[in-house]
Structures are given as structure tokens and as C-alpha cells.
Amino acid sequence: MTKLYSTHCPRCNVLVAKLNQKNVKFEEITDINTMEKMGIMSVPMLLVDDKLMDFKEAVTWINAQ
């Protein structure tokens, strides 16, 4: 399952829109405590197959879908 760690910031919203355009099923996680426990200090972050991607990597991955 693809997971998007988000705070609904502008970049987060861009990834949500791109994921929806490509019909990629994902779970959006907005709990700050969960992100902190994972060591996530900035958002958005996209988790796919145990690989955590920042915004730029995530856009590249989504565009390739």
C-alpha cells in the first residue's frame, strides 16, 4: 500500500492531485506523532514498497505510473 505523509500543505496537495490523476490508491497519513516516530521531519513524503521518497522523488515516481 502506498502511503502519503501529509499536512495538507501546498506540496502535499500537489501529490494528492497527481496520485488521483494516475489512479494510484494510497493512504494519507496526517498524524504528526507518527511522522516524528518515523524520523520524518518534512512533508510530503511518499512511502512505496518500503522506499520513502521526498517531493521530487515522489513526483518522478508518480509521473512514471
C-alpha atoms as a PDB file:
ATOM      1  CA  MET A   1       0.000   0.000   0.000  1.00  0.00           C
ATOM      2  CA  THR A   2       1.264   3.433  -0.930  1.00  0.00           C
ATOM      3  CA  LYS A   3       1.267   5.897   1.959  1.00  0.00           C
ATOM      4  CA  LEU A   4       1.409   9.675   1.741  1.00  0.00           C
ATOM      5  CA  TYR A   5       2.619  11.515   4.826  1.00  0.00           C
ATOM      6  CA  SER A   6       0.968  14.909   4.611  1.00  0.00           C
ATOM      7  CA  THR A   7      -0.032  18.044   6.489  1.00  0.00           C
ATOM      8  CA  HIS A   8      -2.209  19.308   3.610  1.00  0.00           C
ATOM      9  CA  CYS A   9       0.470  21.839   2.659  1.00  0.00           C
ATOM     10  CA  PRO A  10       0.547  23.059  -0.975  1.00  0.00           C
ATOM     11  CA  ARG A  11       3.133  20.437  -1.992  1.00  0.00           C
ATOM     12  CA  CYS A  12       1.136  17.734  -0.201  1.00  0.00           C
ATOM     13  CA  ASN A  13      -1.941  18.774  -2.172  1.00  0.00           C
ATOM     14  CA  VAL A  14       0.033  18.573  -5.434  1.00  0.00           C
ATOM     15  CA  LEU A  15       0.951  14.949  -4.682  1.00  0.00           C
ATOM     16  CA  VAL A  16      -2.645  14.095  -3.758  1.00  0.00           C
ATOM     17  CA  ALA A  17      -3.846  15.523  -7.080  1.00  0.00           C
ATOM     18  CA  LYS A  18      -1.139  13.686  -9.056  1.00  0.00           C
ATOM     19  CA  LEU A  19      -1.840  10.382  -7.296  1.00  0.00           C
ATOM     20  CA  ASN A  20      -5.558  10.752  -8.011  1.00  0.00           C
ATOM     21  CA  GLN A  21      -4.915  11.639 -11.676  1.00  0.00           C
ATOM     22  CA  LYS A  22      -2.905   8.436 -12.096  1.00  0.00           C
ATOM     23  CA  ASN A  23      -5.487   6.406 -10.137  1.00  0.00           C
ATOM     24  CA  VAL A  24      -2.858   5.329  -7.610  1.00  0.00           C
ATOM     25  CA  LYS A  25      -4.508   4.007  -4.459  1.00  0.00           C
ATOM     26  CA  PHE A  26      -2.934   5.487  -1.351  1.00  0.00           C
ATOM     27  CA  GLU A  27      -3.478   6.078   2.336  1.00  0.00           C
ATOM     28  CA  GLU A  28      -2.961   9.643   3.553  1.00  0.00           C
ATOM     29  CA  ILE A  29      -1.394   9.876   6.995  1.00  0.00           C
ATOM     30  CA  THR A  30      -1.601  13.243   8.727  1.00  0.00           C
ATOM     31  CA  ASP A  31      -0.629  12.291  12.290  1.00  0.00           C
ATOM     32  CA  ILE A  32       2.430  14.340  13.225  1.00  0.00           C
ATOM     33  CA  ASN A  33       3.390  11.958  16.054  1.00  0.00           C
ATOM     34  CA  THR A  34       3.505   9.023  13.634  1.00  0.00           C
ATOM     35  CA  MET A  35       5.742  11.014  11.281  1.00  0.00           C
ATOM     36  CA  GLU A  36       8.083  12.065  14.097  1.00  0.00           C
ATOM     37  CA  LYS A  37       8.418   8.445  15.265  1.00  0.00           C
ATOM     38  CA  MET A  38       9.450   7.501  11.718  1.00  0.00           C
ATOM     39  CA  GLY A  39      12.012  10.309  11.606  1.00  0.00           C
ATOM     40  CA  ILE A  40      10.054  12.319   9.030  1.00  0.00           C
ATOM     41  CA  MET A  41      10.934  15.976   9.527  1.00  0.00           C
ATOM     42  CA  SER A  42       9.444  17.449   6.361  1.00  0.00           C
ATOM     43  CA  VAL A  43       6.422  16.689   4.222  1.00  0.00           C
ATOM     44  CA  PRO A  44       5.225  15.456   1.878  1.00  0.00           C
ATOM     45  CA  MET A  45       6.838  12.045   1.952  1.00  0.00           C
ATOM     46  CA  LEU A  46       5.607   9.110  -0.106  1.00  0.00           C
ATOM     47  CA  LEU A  47       6.200   5.526   1.014  1.00  0.00           C
ATOM     48  CA  VAL A  48       6.128   2.905  -1.761  1.00  0.00           C
ATOM     49  CA  ASP A  49       7.398  -0.649  -1.250  1.00  0.00           C
ATOM     50  CA  ASP A  50       9.368   0.380   1.875  1.00  0.00           C
ATOM     51  CA  LYS A  51      11.061   3.243  -0.023  1.00  0.00           C
ATOM     52  CA  LEU A  52      10.484   6.698   1.444  1.00  0.00           C
ATOM     53  CA  MET A  53      10.549   9.444  -1.181  1.00  0.00           C
ATOM     54  CA  ASP A  54      10.675  13.216  -0.825  1.00  0.00           C
ATOM     55  CA  PHE A  55       8.572  15.525  -3.009  1.00  0.00           C
ATOM     56  CA  LYS A  56      10.884  15.477  -6.034  1.00  0.00           C
ATOM     57  CA  GLU A  57      11.346  11.699  -5.990  1.00  0.00           C
ATOM     58  CA  ALA A  58       7.619  11.200  -5.455  1.00  0.00           C
ATOM     59  CA  VAL A  59       6.695  13.382  -8.457  1.00  0.00           C
ATOM     60  CA  THR A  60       9.107  11.400 -10.635  1.00  0.00           C
ATOM     61  CA  TRP A  61       7.667   8.079  -9.404  1.00  0.00           C
ATOM     62  CA  ILE A  62       4.041   9.213  -9.886  1.00  0.00           C
ATOM     63  CA  ASN A  63       4.741  10.521 -13.405  1.00  0.00           C
ATOM     64  CA  ALA A  64       6.188   7.117 -14.323  1.00  0.00           C
ATOM     65  CA  GLN A  65       2.959   5.320 -13.338  1.00  0.00           C
END
